[in-house]
C-alpha atoms as a PDB file:
ATOM      1  CA  MET A   1      -6.538 -10.150  -0.232  1.00  0.00           C
ATOM      2  CA  LEU A   2      -6.068 -12.207   2.918  1.00  0.00           C
ATOM      3  CA  THR A   3      -7.298  -9.370   5.108  1.00  0.00           C
ATOM      4  CA  GLU A   4     -10.420  -9.048   2.963  1.00  0.00           C
ATOM      5  CA  MET A   5     -11.015 -12.770   3.524  1.00  0.00           C
ATOM      6  CA  GLY A   6     -10.810 -12.258   7.294  1.00  0.00           C
ATOM      7  CA  VAL A   7      -7.301 -13.678   7.720  1.00  0.00           C
ATOM      8  CA  GLU A   8      -5.193 -11.643  10.150  1.00  0.00           C
ATOM      9  CA  THR A   9      -1.812 -10.923   8.535  1.00  0.00           C
ATOM     10  CA  GLY A  10      -0.358  -8.433  10.999  1.00  0.00           C
ATOM     11  CA  VAL A  11       0.440  -6.108   8.091  1.00  0.00           C
ATOM     12  CA  ASN A  12      -0.801  -2.533   8.424  1.00  0.00           C
ATOM     13  CA  ALA A  13      -1.649  -1.589   4.823  1.00  0.00           C
ATOM     14  CA  ASP A  14      -1.946   2.119   5.656  1.00  0.00           C
ATOM     15  CA  ALA A  15       1.511   2.190   7.264  1.00  0.00           C
ATOM     16  CA  LEU A  16       2.965   0.202   4.369  1.00  0.00           C
ATOM     17  CA  ASN A  17       1.531   2.664   1.862  1.00  0.00           C
ATOM     18  CA  GLU A  18       2.874   5.635   3.845  1.00  0.00           C
ATOM     19  CA  ALA A  19       6.346   4.049   3.834  1.00  0.00           C
ATOM     20  CA  VAL A  20       6.185   3.517   0.067  1.00  0.00           C
ATOM     21  CA  MET A  21       5.131   7.133  -0.471  1.00  0.00           C
ATOM     22  CA  LEU A  22       7.978   8.371   1.744  1.00  0.00           C
ATOM     23  CA  ILE A  23      10.554   6.240  -0.071  1.00  0.00           C
ATOM     24  CA  ARG A  24       9.122   7.287  -3.441  1.00  0.00           C
ATOM     25  CA  GLU A  25       9.999  10.917  -2.604  1.00  0.00           C
ATOM     26  CA  GLY A  26      13.689  10.092  -2.088  1.00  0.00           C
ATOM     27  CA  VAL A  27      14.286   7.490  -4.779  1.00  0.00           C
ATOM     28  CA  HIS A  28      14.847   8.590  -8.340  1.00  0.00           C
ATOM     29  CA  ALA A  29      13.406   5.433  -9.855  1.00  0.00           C
ATOM     30  CA  PRO A  30       9.871   4.127 -10.149  1.00  0.00           C
ATOM     31  CA  ILE A  31       8.648   1.877  -7.366  1.00  0.00           C
ATOM     32  CA  VAL A  32       6.860  -1.042  -8.971  1.00  0.00           C
ATOM     33  CA  SER A  33       4.346  -2.648  -6.640  1.00  0.00           C
ATOM     34  CA  HIS A  34       0.915  -4.164  -7.126  1.00  0.00           C
ATOM     35  CA  MET A  35      -0.106  -2.911  -3.690  1.00  0.00           C
ATOM     36  CA  ALA A  36       1.066   0.644  -4.328  1.00  0.00           C
ATOM     37  CA  GLY A  37      -0.786   0.720  -7.626  1.00  0.00           C
ATOM     38  CA  LEU A  38      -4.028  -0.559  -6.138  1.00  0.00           C
ATOM     39  CA  TYR A  39      -4.037   1.340  -2.879  1.00  0.00           C
ATOM     40  CA  LYS A  40      -6.891   3.837  -2.627  1.00  0.00           C
ATOM     41  CA  LYS A  41      -7.056   6.715  -0.193  1.00  0.00           C
ATOM     42  CA  SER A  42     -10.847   6.968  -0.476  1.00  0.00           C
ATOM     43  CA  SER A  43     -13.659   4.585  -1.206  1.00  0.00           C
ATOM     44  CA  CYS A  44     -15.252   4.273  -4.625  1.00  0.00           C
ATOM     45  CA  VAL A  45     -18.697   5.021  -3.269  1.00  0.00           C
END
């Protein structure tokens, strides 16, 4: 949300999502995250 507002956070959302996906492969429990649930690999348009 901050990034969309033009505030620089220093967080790389793509790298964060890749890390979550990698961890998800090795963990035998659901990863609950608002960011992981909302992350889109392609645009809606």
